Amino acid sequence: MKHAGWKTGMIALLLTGVVGCSNSASPEAATQQAATSSQSDSSASIQQAVHTINVDEKKVEELLTQFKTQPPTKVVTVSVAITEILNELGVTPVGVPTTSSKLPVSLDNVPRIGTSHQPDLEQVAKLQPDVILGPTSIQSSVDKKFKPASLPTAYLPVDSIDELKLSTVVLGRLFKQEEKSTAFLQSIMEKEKTIIDATKGKPAPKVLFLFGSAEALMVMNENTFVGSLAHNLGASNVASDVLKQTETYVPLNMESIVAANPDVILLVAHGDPSAVTKKFEEDVKKNGAWEKLSAFKNGKMKALDYSTFGIASLVKVPAAYEELANILYNE
């Protein structure tokens, strides 16, 4: 998602502090205050370096041009990730997706409008939204539903952690809630840095991520939620680094996987997680090729918790980082 010539915007997410002082301070107190101020400035500089997020400013502006009404007053979402971000910004949609994922309690009484892939057109139309917010990854399928009915739509990227951060910046500006978006991102980044720092200096494992249904398994590169987390943790993604996979998802090719020989194999189930996991375990038993892999020999093949990794979620990033770091470096 690199665009030549685009300017990169720097959004500094800083901790702020208030330093009180007396107008009648003595020279000794003034000297002490100056020293303290110098230390505070140094600390602030460190924090600025830590809590700075790079976003493509041109991309932010491009995404904002989708919205005819700024800010929209009636919003319907067909994305769990976007719904969660709006909640953090204090924005309550008039309609949210029907999902097995747990949405914030504050949205319990908000009407459900069907799943992300199968929204209920009639229900959405009744809500008369200013805009329907969806993820860029399913834009074509959502448009087929809403465009014929002349319902307004807008799409935001929410697959990887960087995309989630970008969309948080966009929504913060759109709804005039930049302070809340900054505070939210700052909190996430503080936890992110702590976990990433703990893995530095450790040997980087080669990890293979599989995205599966009961019918088929796909190999995921680092442009996915879990893939981006692993990348930031310093792990080597077999799809991106060894197989040079440029597409986000490609069908599983066992021969290439055996040649790559990953240290860790992790499954993200789609649909019915328990059924997918069972099917995967059966396939492993039937196909002797899996037994040749280091991941199999070292007991490093497992299904990830769907509630944490099944859907991209900025809210769940700290828990996802912690669990993934433990699997990759500690277990």
C-alpha atoms as a PDB file:
ATOM      1  CA  MET A   1       0.000   0.000   0.000  1.00  0.00           C
ATOM      2  CA  LYS A   2       2.869   2.347  -0.948  1.00  0.00           C
ATOM      3  CA  HIS A   3       2.159   5.302  -3.209  1.00  0.00           C
ATOM      4  CA  ALA A   4       5.103   7.203  -4.703  1.00  0.00           C
ATOM      5  CA  GLY A   5       5.115  10.916  -4.154  1.00  0.00           C
ATOM      6  CA  TRP A   6       2.671  10.818  -1.273  1.00  0.00           C
ATOM      7  CA  LYS A   7       3.637  12.924   1.684  1.00  0.00           C
ATOM      8  CA  THR A   8       3.816  11.229   5.003  1.00  0.00           C
ATOM      9  CA  GLY A   9       1.981  12.997   7.807  1.00  0.00           C
ATOM     10  CA  MET A  10       3.328  12.745  11.308  1.00  0.00           C
ATOM     11  CA  ILE A  11       0.746  12.646  14.080  1.00  0.00           C
ATOM     12  CA  ALA A  12       2.447  13.006  17.437  1.00  0.00           C
ATOM     13  CA  LEU A  13       0.677  11.176  20.212  1.00  0.00           C
ATOM     14  CA  LEU A  14       2.099  12.728  23.358  1.00  0.00           C
ATOM     15  CA  LEU A  15       1.503  12.382  27.029  1.00  0.00           C
ATOM     16  CA  THR A  16       0.649  15.802  28.406  1.00  0.00           C
ATOM     17  CA  GLY A  17       1.413  17.113  31.837  1.00  0.00           C
ATOM     18  CA  VAL A  18       0.660  20.292  33.724  1.00  0.00           C
ATOM     19  CA  VAL A  19       3.466  21.837  35.746  1.00  0.00           C
ATOM     20  CA  GLY A  20       2.274  24.318  38.375  1.00  0.00           C
ATOM     21  CA  CYS A  21       4.580  27.080  39.577  1.00  0.00           C
ATOM     22  CA  SER A  22       4.410  30.162  41.795  1.00  0.00           C
ATOM     23  CA  ASN A  23       4.961  33.653  40.367  1.00  0.00           C
ATOM     24  CA  SER A  24       6.919  34.557  43.519  1.00  0.00           C
ATOM     25  CA  ALA A  25       9.333  31.620  43.443  1.00  0.00           C
ATOM     26  CA  SER A  26      12.741  32.194  45.009  1.00  0.00           C
ATOM     27  CA  PRO A  27      15.942  32.091  42.860  1.00  0.00           C
ATOM     28  CA  GLU A  28      16.758  28.683  44.357  1.00  0.00           C
ATOM     29  CA  ALA A  29      13.271  27.419  43.503  1.00  0.00           C
ATOM     30  CA  ALA A  30      13.559  28.884  40.019  1.00  0.00           C
ATOM     31  CA  THR A  31      16.858  27.068  39.495  1.00  0.00           C
ATOM     32  CA  GLN A  32      15.333  23.797  40.686  1.00  0.00           C
ATOM     33  CA  GLN A  33      12.290  24.388  38.493  1.00  0.00           C
ATOM     34  CA  ALA A  34      14.525  24.983  35.462  1.00  0.00           C
ATOM     35  CA  ALA A  35      16.352  21.721  36.097  1.00  0.00           C
ATOM     36  CA  THR A  36      13.065  19.887  36.522  1.00  0.00           C
ATOM     37  CA  SER A  37      11.720  21.520  33.372  1.00  0.00           C
ATOM     38  CA  SER A  38      14.812  20.398  31.455  1.00  0.00           C
ATOM     39  CA  GLN A  39      14.312  16.837  32.636  1.00  0.00           C
ATOM     40  CA  SER A  40      10.631  17.025  31.709  1.00  0.00           C
ATOM     41  CA  ASP A  41      11.498  18.299  28.230  1.00  0.00           C
ATOM     42  CA  SER A  42      13.939  15.433  27.804  1.00  0.00           C
ATOM     43  CA  SER A  43      11.296  12.957  28.971  1.00  0.00           C
ATOM     44  CA  ALA A  44       8.736  14.485  26.623  1.00  0.00           C
ATOM     45  CA  SER A  45      11.164  14.128  23.718  1.00  0.00           C
ATOM     46  CA  ILE A  46      11.578  10.454  24.490  1.00  0.00           C
ATOM     47  CA  GLN A  47       7.824  10.005  24.742  1.00  0.00           C
ATOM     48  CA  GLN A  48       7.347  11.850  21.453  1.00  0.00           C
ATOM     49  CA  ALA A  49       9.687   9.422  19.711  1.00  0.00           C
ATOM     50  CA  VAL A  50       7.885   6.480  21.265  1.00  0.00           C
ATOM     51  CA  HIS A  51       4.320   7.603  20.627  1.00  0.00           C
ATOM     52  CA  THR A  52       4.604   8.983  17.105  1.00  0.00           C
ATOM     53  CA  ILE A  53       2.575   7.268  14.411  1.00  0.00           C
ATOM     54  CA  ASN A  54       3.255   7.703  10.716  1.00  0.00           C
ATOM     55  CA  VAL A  55       0.228   7.980   8.497  1.00  0.00           C
ATOM     56  CA  ASP A  56       0.015   8.736   4.822  1.00  0.00           C
ATOM     57  CA  GLU A  57      -1.551  12.187   4.938  1.00  0.00           C
ATOM     58  CA  LYS A  58      -2.657  12.015   1.323  1.00  0.00           C
ATOM     59  CA  LYS A  59      -4.407   8.728   2.051  1.00  0.00           C
ATOM     60  CA  VAL A  60      -6.165  10.270   5.042  1.00  0.00           C
ATOM     61  CA  GLU A  61      -7.457  13.121   2.903  1.00  0.00           C
ATOM     62  CA  GLU A  62      -8.450  10.738   0.126  1.00  0.00           C
ATOM     63  CA  LEU A  63     -10.503   8.618   2.532  1.00  0.00           C
ATOM     64  CA  LEU A  64     -12.183  11.705   3.976  1.00  0.00           C
ATOM     65  CA  THR A  65     -13.373  12.829   0.517  1.00  0.00           C
ATOM     66  CA  GLN A  66     -15.850   9.929   0.541  1.00  0.00           C
ATOM     67  CA  PHE A  67     -18.025  11.732   3.078  1.00  0.00           C
ATOM     68  CA  LYS A  68     -20.456  14.317   1.745  1.00  0.00           C
ATOM     69  CA  THR A  69     -21.665  15.128   5.253  1.00  0.00           C
ATOM     70  CA  GLN A  70     -18.905  15.891   7.755  1.00  0.00           C
ATOM     71  CA  PRO A  71     -19.489  14.748  10.362  1.00  0.00           C
ATOM     72  CA  PRO A  72     -22.316  12.342   9.503  1.00  0.00           C
ATOM     73  CA  THR A  73     -25.103  12.277  12.081  1.00  0.00           C
ATOM     74  CA  LYS A  74     -26.572   8.846  11.288  1.00  0.00           C
ATOM     75  CA  VAL A  75     -24.066   6.076  10.659  1.00  0.00           C
ATOM     76  CA  VAL A  76     -24.567   2.384   9.959  1.00  0.00           C
ATOM     77  CA  THR A  77     -21.555   0.078  10.163  1.00  0.00           C
ATOM     78  CA  VAL A  78     -21.042  -3.317   8.554  1.00  0.00           C
ATOM     79  CA  SER A  79     -17.670  -3.826  10.238  1.00  0.00           C
ATOM     80  CA  VAL A  80     -16.876  -4.942  13.779  1.00  0.00           C
ATOM     81  CA  ALA A  81     -13.492  -3.194  13.646  1.00  0.00           C
ATOM     82  CA  ILE A  82     -15.023   0.145  12.608  1.00  0.00           C
ATOM     83  CA  THR A  83     -17.812  -0.233  15.161  1.00  0.00           C
ATOM     84  CA  GLU A  84     -15.252  -0.686  17.945  1.00  0.00           C
ATOM     85  CA  ILE A  85     -13.268   2.373  16.854  1.00  0.00           C
ATOM     86  CA  LEU A  86     -16.410   4.526  16.740  1.00  0.00           C
ATOM     87  CA  ASN A  87     -17.245   3.386  20.259  1.00  0.00           C
ATOM     88  CA  GLU A  88     -13.817   4.505  21.467  1.00  0.00           C
ATOM     89  CA  LEU A  89     -14.503   7.912  19.914  1.00  0.00           C
ATOM     90  CA  GLY A  90     -17.861   8.206  21.643  1.00  0.00           C
ATOM     91  CA  VAL A  91     -19.803   7.889  18.391  1.00  0.00           C
ATOM     92  CA  THR A  92     -22.888   5.647  18.504  1.00  0.00           C
ATOM     93  CA  PRO A  93     -24.034   4.212  15.152  1.00  0.00           C
ATOM     94  CA  VAL A  94     -27.748   3.851  14.393  1.00  0.00           C
ATOM     95  CA  GLY A  95     -27.088   0.323  13.120  1.00  0.00           C
ATOM     96  CA  VAL A  96     -24.310  -2.236  13.703  1.00  0.00           C
ATOM     97  CA  PRO A  97     -23.509  -5.639  12.199  1.00  0.00           C
ATOM     98  CA  THR A  98     -24.946  -8.914  13.427  1.00  0.00           C
ATOM     99  CA  THR A  99     -21.909 -10.852  14.620  1.00  0.00           C
ATOM    100  CA  SER A 100     -20.748 -13.623  16.919  1.00  0.00           C
ATOM    101  CA  SER A 101     -18.044 -11.244  18.148  1.00  0.00           C
ATOM    102  CA  LYS A 102     -18.817  -9.376  21.346  1.00  0.00           C
ATOM    103  CA  LEU A 103     -19.575  -5.742  20.633  1.00  0.00           C
ATOM    104  CA  PRO A 104     -19.321  -3.052  23.351  1.00  0.00           C
ATOM    105  CA  VAL A 105     -22.105  -3.233  25.941  1.00  0.00           C
ATOM    106  CA  SER A 106     -23.049   0.369  25.159  1.00  0.00           C
ATOM    107  CA  LEU A 107     -24.318  -0.876  21.779  1.00  0.00           C
ATOM    108  CA  ASP A 108     -26.613  -3.589  23.125  1.00  0.00           C
ATOM    109  CA  ASN A 109     -29.739  -1.644  22.177  1.00  0.00           C
ATOM    110  CA  VAL A 110     -28.531  -0.515  18.754  1.00  0.00           C
ATOM    111  CA  PRO A 111     -30.355  -2.295  15.894  1.00  0.00           C
ATOM    112  CA  ARG A 112     -28.530  -5.159  14.160  1.00  0.00           C
ATOM    113  CA  ILE A 113     -28.502  -4.901  10.370  1.00  0.00           C
ATOM    114  CA  GLY A 114     -27.303  -8.357   9.317  1.00  0.00           C
ATOM    115  CA  THR A 115     -23.795  -9.706   8.842  1.00  0.00           C
ATOM    116  CA  SER A 116     -20.984  -7.888   7.085  1.00  0.00           C
ATOM    117  CA  HIS A 117     -21.305 -10.098   4.021  1.00  0.00           C
ATOM    118  CA  GLN A 118     -25.108 -10.327   4.087  1.00  0.00           C
ATOM    119  CA  PRO A 119     -26.526  -7.023   5.368  1.00  0.00           C
ATOM    120  CA  ASP A 120     -30.289  -6.617   5.498  1.00  0.00           C
ATOM    121  CA  LEU A 121     -31.048  -3.974   2.868  1.00  0.00           C
ATOM    122  CA  GLU A 122     -34.562  -3.292   4.159  1.00  0.00           C
ATOM    123  CA  GLN A 123     -33.413  -2.856   7.751  1.00  0.00           C
ATOM    124  CA  VAL A 124     -30.588  -0.521   6.714  1.00  0.00           C
ATOM    125  CA  ALA A 125     -32.885   1.592   4.535  1.00  0.00           C
ATOM    126  CA  LYS A 126     -35.309   2.059   7.445  1.00  0.00           C
ATOM    127  CA  LEU A 127     -32.528   3.647   9.468  1.00  0.00           C
ATOM    128  CA  GLN A 128     -31.993   6.320   6.787  1.00  0.00           C
ATOM    129  CA  PRO A 129     -28.225   6.589   7.342  1.00  0.00           C
ATOM    130  CA  ASP A 130     -26.086   9.489   6.150  1.00  0.00           C
ATOM    131  CA  VAL A 131     -23.427   6.890   5.419  1.00  0.00           C
ATOM    132  CA  ILE A 132     -22.837   3.154   5.655  1.00  0.00           C
ATOM    133  CA  LEU A 133     -19.294   2.404   6.805  1.00  0.00           C
ATOM    134  CA  GLY A 134     -17.657  -0.816   5.648  1.00  0.00           C
ATOM    135  CA  PRO A 135     -14.205  -2.370   5.288  1.00  0.00           C
ATOM    136  CA  THR A 136     -12.350  -1.810   2.009  1.00  0.00           C
ATOM    137  CA  SER A 137     -11.705  -5.558   1.721  1.00  0.00           C
ATOM    138  CA  ILE A 138     -15.386  -6.322   0.985  1.00  0.00           C
ATOM    139  CA  GLN A 139     -16.308  -3.120  -0.844  1.00  0.00           C
ATOM    140  CA  SER A 140     -17.380  -4.822  -4.065  1.00  0.00           C
ATOM    141  CA  SER A 141     -19.802  -7.221  -2.348  1.00  0.00           C
ATOM    142  CA  VAL A 142     -21.288  -4.504  -0.110  1.00  0.00           C
ATOM    143  CA  ASP A 143     -21.711  -2.128  -3.045  1.00  0.00           C
ATOM    144  CA  LYS A 144     -23.742  -4.733  -4.884  1.00  0.00           C
ATOM    145  CA  LYS A 145     -26.242  -4.565  -2.027  1.00  0.00           C
ATOM    146  CA  PHE A 146     -26.435  -0.837  -1.415  1.00  0.00           C
ATOM    147  CA  LYS A 147     -25.604   0.965  -4.656  1.00  0.00           C
ATOM    148  CA  PRO A 148     -28.790  -0.133  -6.499  1.00  0.00           C
ATOM    149  CA  ALA A 149     -30.788   1.306  -3.592  1.00  0.00           C
ATOM    150  CA  SER A 150     -28.825   4.589  -3.780  1.00  0.00           C
ATOM    151  CA  LEU A 151     -27.684   4.228  -0.176  1.00  0.00           C
ATOM    152  CA  PRO A 152     -24.501   6.207   0.616  1.00  0.00           C
ATOM    153  CA  THR A 153     -21.418   4.133   1.418  1.00  0.00           C
ATOM    154  CA  ALA A 154     -17.828   4.761   2.445  1.00  0.00           C
ATOM    155  CA  TYR A 155     -15.002   2.313   3.024  1.00  0.00           C
ATOM    156  CA  LEU A 156     -11.988   2.225   5.317  1.00  0.00           C
ATOM    157  CA  PRO A 157      -9.018  -0.193   5.394  1.00  0.00           C
ATOM    158  CA  VAL A 158      -9.012  -2.274   8.581  1.00  0.00           C
ATOM    159  CA  ASP A 159      -7.084  -5.472   7.794  1.00  0.00           C
ATOM    160  CA  SER A 160      -3.651  -4.816   9.326  1.00  0.00           C
ATOM    161  CA  ILE A 161      -2.682  -2.957  12.476  1.00  0.00           C
ATOM    162  CA  ASP A 162      -1.340  -0.010  10.459  1.00  0.00           C
ATOM    163  CA  GLU A 163      -4.620   0.171   8.542  1.00  0.00           C
ATOM    164  CA  LEU A 164      -6.577   0.123  11.791  1.00  0.00           C
ATOM    165  CA  LYS A 165      -4.492   3.026  13.082  1.00  0.00           C
ATOM    166  CA  LEU A 166      -4.942   4.940   9.831  1.00  0.00           C
ATOM    167  CA  SER A 167      -8.703   4.489   9.953  1.00  0.00           C
ATOM    168  CA  THR A 168      -8.779   5.617  13.578  1.00  0.00           C
ATOM    169  CA  VAL A 169      -7.070   8.858  12.529  1.00  0.00           C
ATOM    170  CA  VAL A 170      -9.577   9.279   9.678  1.00  0.00           C
ATOM    171  CA  LEU A 171     -12.602   8.706  11.924  1.00  0.00           C
ATOM    172  CA  GLY A 172     -11.201  10.995  14.603  1.00  0.00           C
ATOM    173  CA  ARG A 173     -11.020  13.820  12.090  1.00  0.00           C
ATOM    174  CA  LEU A 174     -14.348  13.013  10.465  1.00  0.00           C
ATOM    175  CA  PHE A 175     -16.266  13.145  13.750  1.00  0.00           C
ATOM    176  CA  LYS A 176     -14.202  15.976  15.263  1.00  0.00           C
ATOM    177  CA  GLN A 177     -12.916  13.626  17.961  1.00  0.00           C
ATOM    178  CA  GLU A 178      -9.176  13.929  17.382  1.00  0.00           C
ATOM    179  CA  GLU A 179      -8.359  14.156  21.090  1.00  0.00           C
ATOM    180  CA  LYS A 180     -10.126  10.872  21.740  1.00  0.00           C
ATOM    181  CA  SER A 181      -8.533   9.163  18.739  1.00  0.00           C
ATOM    182  CA  THR A 182      -5.100  10.389  19.853  1.00  0.00           C
ATOM    183  CA  ALA A 183      -5.624   9.154  23.413  1.00  0.00           C
ATOM    184  CA  PHE A 184      -6.894   5.791  22.175  1.00  0.00           C
ATOM    185  CA  LEU A 185      -3.950   5.294  19.810  1.00  0.00           C
ATOM    186  CA  GLN A 186      -1.508   6.438  22.467  1.00  0.00           C
ATOM    187  CA  SER A 187      -2.821   3.830  24.891  1.00  0.00           C
ATOM    188  CA  ILE A 188      -2.522   1.082  22.264  1.00  0.00           C
ATOM    189  CA  MET A 189       0.984   2.150  21.271  1.00  0.00           C
ATOM    190  CA  GLU A 190       2.264   2.221  24.846  1.00  0.00           C
ATOM    191  CA  LYS A 191       1.211  -1.398  25.338  1.00  0.00           C
ATOM    192  CA  GLU A 192       2.444  -2.324  21.875  1.00  0.00           C
ATOM    193  CA  LYS A 193       5.919  -0.959  22.570  1.00  0.00           C
ATOM    194  CA  THR A 194       6.218  -2.752  25.912  1.00  0.00           C
ATOM    195  CA  ILE A 195       5.459  -6.137  24.362  1.00  0.00           C
ATOM    196  CA  ILE A 196       7.620  -5.598  21.264  1.00  0.00           C
ATOM    197  CA  ASP A 197      10.594  -4.463  23.360  1.00  0.00           C
ATOM    198  CA  ALA A 198      10.398  -7.700  25.366  1.00  0.00           C
ATOM    199  CA  THR A 199      10.996  -9.754  22.182  1.00  0.00           C
ATOM    200  CA  LYS A 200      13.966  -7.769  20.889  1.00  0.00           C
ATOM    201  CA  GLY A 201      17.200  -9.722  20.660  1.00  0.00           C
ATOM    202  CA  LYS A 202      15.449 -13.087  20.570  1.00  0.00           C
ATOM    203  CA  PRO A 203      15.909 -15.389  17.546  1.00  0.00           C
ATOM    204  CA  ALA A 204      13.164 -14.677  14.997  1.00  0.00           C
ATOM    205  CA  PRO A 205      11.038 -17.757  14.274  1.00  0.00           C
ATOM    206  CA  LYS A 206       9.685 -18.532  10.794  1.00  0.00           C
ATOM    207  CA  VAL A 207       5.908 -18.575  11.118  1.00  0.00           C
ATOM    208  CA  LEU A 208       3.258 -19.778   8.686  1.00  0.00           C
ATOM    209  CA  PHE A 209      -0.251 -18.379   9.094  1.00  0.00           C
ATOM    210  CA  LEU A 210      -3.156 -20.344   7.697  1.00  0.00           C
ATOM    211  CA  PHE A 211      -6.625 -18.954   7.175  1.00  0.00           C
ATOM    212  CA  GLY A 212      -9.096 -21.790   6.957  1.00  0.00           C
ATOM    213  CA  SER A 213     -12.620 -22.883   6.409  1.00  0.00           C
ATOM    214  CA  ALA A 214     -13.832 -26.465   6.550  1.00  0.00           C
ATOM    215  CA  GLU A 215     -13.381 -26.581   2.758  1.00  0.00           C
ATOM    216  CA  ALA A 216      -9.927 -25.103   2.194  1.00  0.00           C
ATOM    217  CA  LEU A 217      -6.834 -23.566   3.741  1.00  0.00           C
ATOM    218  CA  MET A 218      -5.204 -20.342   2.570  1.00  0.00           C
ATOM    219  CA  VAL A 219      -1.748 -18.997   3.369  1.00  0.00           C
ATOM    220  CA  MET A 220      -1.698 -15.427   4.752  1.00  0.00           C
ATOM    221  CA  ASN A 221       1.039 -12.863   4.309  1.00  0.00           C
ATOM    222  CA  GLU A 222       1.873  -9.975   6.648  1.00  0.00           C
ATOM    223  CA  ASN A 223      -0.823  -7.649   5.264  1.00  0.00           C
ATOM    224  CA  THR A 224      -3.348  -9.241   7.606  1.00  0.00           C
ATOM    225  CA  PHE A 225      -4.189  -8.577  11.237  1.00  0.00           C
ATOM    226  CA  VAL A 226      -2.219 -11.449  12.738  1.00  0.00           C
ATOM    227  CA  GLY A 227       0.452 -11.197  10.032  1.00  0.00           C
ATOM    228  CA  SER A 228       1.103  -7.548  10.843  1.00  0.00           C
ATOM    229  CA  LEU A 229       1.338  -8.342  14.558  1.00  0.00           C
ATOM    230  CA  ALA A 230       3.920 -11.058  13.915  1.00  0.00           C
ATOM    231  CA  HIS A 231       5.895  -8.723  11.655  1.00  0.00           C
ATOM    232  CA  ASN A 232       6.051  -6.076  14.374  1.00  0.00           C
ATOM    233  CA  LEU A 233       7.151  -8.733  16.868  1.00  0.00           C
ATOM    234  CA  GLY A 234      10.141  -9.501  14.645  1.00  0.00           C
ATOM    235  CA  ALA A 235       9.006 -12.891  13.362  1.00  0.00           C
ATOM    236  CA  SER A 236       9.612 -13.945   9.762  1.00  0.00           C
ATOM    237  CA  ASN A 237       6.400 -14.593   7.832  1.00  0.00           C
ATOM    238  CA  VAL A 238       6.956 -17.591   5.539  1.00  0.00           C
ATOM    239  CA  ALA A 239       4.431 -16.301   3.002  1.00  0.00           C
ATOM    240  CA  SER A 240       6.070 -12.883   2.640  1.00  0.00           C
ATOM    241  CA  ASP A 241       9.742 -13.595   3.350  1.00  0.00           C
ATOM    242  CA  VAL A 242      10.282 -17.102   1.973  1.00  0.00           C
ATOM    243  CA  LEU A 243       7.524 -17.702  -0.567  1.00  0.00           C
ATOM    244  CA  LYS A 244       7.552 -14.014  -1.639  1.00  0.00           C
ATOM    245  CA  GLN A 245       3.768 -13.998  -1.633  1.00  0.00           C
ATOM    246  CA  THR A 246       2.391 -10.604  -2.671  1.00  0.00           C
ATOM    247  CA  GLU A 247      -1.298 -11.488  -2.524  1.00  0.00           C
ATOM    248  CA  THR A 248      -2.806 -11.410   0.934  1.00  0.00           C
ATOM    249  CA  TYR A 249      -4.296 -14.906   0.633  1.00  0.00           C
ATOM    250  CA  VAL A 250      -3.176 -17.761  -1.627  1.00  0.00           C
ATOM    251  CA  PRO A 251      -4.154 -21.454  -1.651  1.00  0.00           C
ATOM    252  CA  LEU A 252      -2.014 -23.786   0.434  1.00  0.00           C
ATOM    253  CA  ASN A 253       0.702 -25.559  -1.573  1.00  0.00           C
ATOM    254  CA  MET A 254       2.111 -28.324   0.604  1.00  0.00           C
ATOM    255  CA  GLU A 255       5.266 -28.781  -1.466  1.00  0.00           C
ATOM    256  CA  SER A 256       6.304 -25.151  -1.015  1.00  0.00           C
ATOM    257  CA  ILE A 257       5.481 -25.293   2.699  1.00  0.00           C
ATOM    258  CA  VAL A 258       7.696 -28.352   3.201  1.00  0.00           C
ATOM    259  CA  ALA A 259      10.523 -26.532   1.396  1.00  0.00           C
ATOM    260  CA  ALA A 260      10.049 -23.431   3.575  1.00  0.00           C
ATOM    261  CA  ASN A 261       9.916 -25.562   6.754  1.00  0.00           C
ATOM    262  CA  PRO A 262       8.316 -23.089   9.192  1.00  0.00           C
ATOM    263  CA  ASP A 263       9.171 -23.170  12.891  1.00  0.00           C
ATOM    264  CA  VAL A 264       5.597 -22.288  13.860  1.00  0.00           C
ATOM    265  CA  ILE A 265       2.264 -22.901  12.096  1.00  0.00           C
ATOM    266  CA  LEU A 266      -0.800 -21.013  13.319  1.00  0.00           C
ATOM    267  CA  LEU A 267      -4.362 -21.362  12.077  1.00  0.00           C
ATOM    268  CA  VAL A 268      -6.982 -18.623  12.069  1.00  0.00           C
ATOM    269  CA  ALA A 269     -10.345 -20.305  11.586  1.00  0.00           C
ATOM    270  CA  HIS A 270     -13.150 -18.818   9.516  1.00  0.00           C
ATOM    271  CA  GLY A 271     -16.805 -19.727   9.868  1.00  0.00           C
ATOM    272  CA  ASP A 272     -17.180 -22.418  12.528  1.00  0.00           C
ATOM    273  CA  PRO A 273     -13.806 -22.296  14.366  1.00  0.00           C
ATOM    274  CA  SER A 274     -14.222 -25.673  16.087  1.00  0.00           C
ATOM    275  CA  ALA A 275     -15.159 -27.425  12.832  1.00  0.00           C
ATOM    276  CA  VAL A 276     -12.240 -25.832  10.989  1.00  0.00           C
ATOM    277  CA  THR A 277      -9.785 -26.799  13.710  1.00  0.00           C
ATOM    278  CA  LYS A 278     -11.064 -30.381  13.719  1.00  0.00           C
ATOM    279  CA  LYS A 279     -10.753 -30.590   9.931  1.00  0.00           C
ATOM    280  CA  PHE A 280      -7.202 -29.236  10.087  1.00  0.00           C
ATOM    281  CA  GLU A 281      -6.191 -31.782  12.721  1.00  0.00           C
ATOM    282  CA  GLU A 282      -7.644 -34.578  10.569  1.00  0.00           C
ATOM    283  CA  ASP A 283      -5.727 -33.358   7.515  1.00  0.00           C
ATOM    284  CA  VAL A 284      -2.487 -33.279   9.483  1.00  0.00           C
ATOM    285  CA  LYS A 285      -2.978 -36.906  10.541  1.00  0.00           C
ATOM    286  CA  LYS A 286      -3.764 -38.031   6.985  1.00  0.00           C
ATOM    287  CA  ASN A 287      -0.971 -36.147   5.210  1.00  0.00           C
ATOM    288  CA  GLY A 288       2.471 -37.316   6.262  1.00  0.00           C
ATOM    289  CA  ALA A 289       4.072 -34.202   4.790  1.00  0.00           C
ATOM    290  CA  TRP A 290       3.131 -32.219   7.899  1.00  0.00           C
ATOM    291  CA  GLU A 291       5.263 -34.552  10.030  1.00  0.00           C
ATOM    292  CA  LYS A 292       8.390 -33.438   8.157  1.00  0.00           C
ATOM    293  CA  LEU A 293       8.058 -29.883   9.376  1.00  0.00           C
ATOM    294  CA  SER A 294       9.950 -28.408  12.316  1.00  0.00           C
ATOM    295  CA  ALA A 295       6.701 -26.916  13.597  1.00  0.00           C
ATOM    296  CA  PHE A 296       5.146 -30.384  13.837  1.00  0.00           C
ATOM    297  CA  LYS A 297       8.203 -31.958  15.452  1.00  0.00           C
ATOM    298  CA  ASN A 298       8.417 -29.193  18.054  1.00  0.00           C
ATOM    299  CA  GLY A 299       4.710 -29.099  18.845  1.00  0.00           C
ATOM    300  CA  LYS A 300       4.333 -25.610  17.383  1.00  0.00           C
ATOM    301  CA  MET A 301       1.173 -26.154  15.342  1.00  0.00           C
ATOM    302  CA  LYS A 302      -1.993 -24.741  16.847  1.00  0.00           C
ATOM    303  CA  ALA A 303      -5.228 -22.903  16.184  1.00  0.00           C
ATOM    304  CA  LEU A 304      -5.353 -19.339  17.471  1.00  0.00           C
ATOM    305  CA  ASP A 305      -8.185 -18.141  19.695  1.00  0.00           C
ATOM    306  CA  TYR A 306     -10.879 -16.910  17.320  1.00  0.00           C
ATOM    307  CA  SER A 307     -12.213 -14.372  19.810  1.00  0.00           C
ATOM    308  CA  THR A 308      -8.815 -12.623  19.754  1.00  0.00           C
ATOM    309  CA  PHE A 309      -7.552 -13.190  16.219  1.00  0.00           C
ATOM    310  CA  GLY A 310     -10.634 -14.032  14.169  1.00  0.00           C
ATOM    311  CA  ILE A 311     -11.497 -10.430  13.299  1.00  0.00           C
ATOM    312  CA  ALA A 312      -9.131  -7.475  13.015  1.00  0.00           C
ATOM    313  CA  SER A 313      -9.606  -5.374  16.134  1.00  0.00           C
ATOM    314  CA  LEU A 314      -7.600  -2.434  17.415  1.00  0.00           C
ATOM    315  CA  VAL A 315      -9.239  -2.865  20.812  1.00  0.00           C
ATOM    316  CA  LYS A 316      -7.852  -6.399  21.051  1.00  0.00           C
ATOM    317  CA  VAL A 317      -4.358  -5.524  19.815  1.00  0.00           C
ATOM    318  CA  PRO A 318      -2.679  -5.585  23.275  1.00  0.00           C
ATOM    319  CA  ALA A 319      -4.129  -9.024  24.118  1.00  0.00           C
ATOM    320  CA  ALA A 320      -3.317 -10.328  20.638  1.00  0.00           C
ATOM    321  CA  TYR A 321       0.287  -9.094  20.878  1.00  0.00           C
ATOM    322  CA  GLU A 322       0.731 -10.682  24.292  1.00  0.00           C
ATOM    323  CA  GLU A 323      -0.677 -14.045  23.249  1.00  0.00           C
ATOM    324  CA  LEU A 324       1.205 -14.160  19.958  1.00  0.00           C
ATOM    325  CA  ALA A 325       4.506 -13.125  21.546  1.00  0.00           C
ATOM    326  CA  ASN A 326       4.114 -15.918  24.089  1.00  0.00           C
ATOM    327  CA  ILE A 327       3.478 -18.500  21.343  1.00  0.00           C
ATOM    328  CA  LEU A 328       6.351 -17.329  19.128  1.00  0.00           C
ATOM    329  CA  TYR A 329       9.018 -16.763  21.760  1.00  0.00           C
ATOM    330  CA  ASN A 330       8.130 -18.371  25.091  1.00  0.00           C
ATOM    331  CA  GLU A 331       6.183 -21.608  24.677  1.00  0.00           C
END
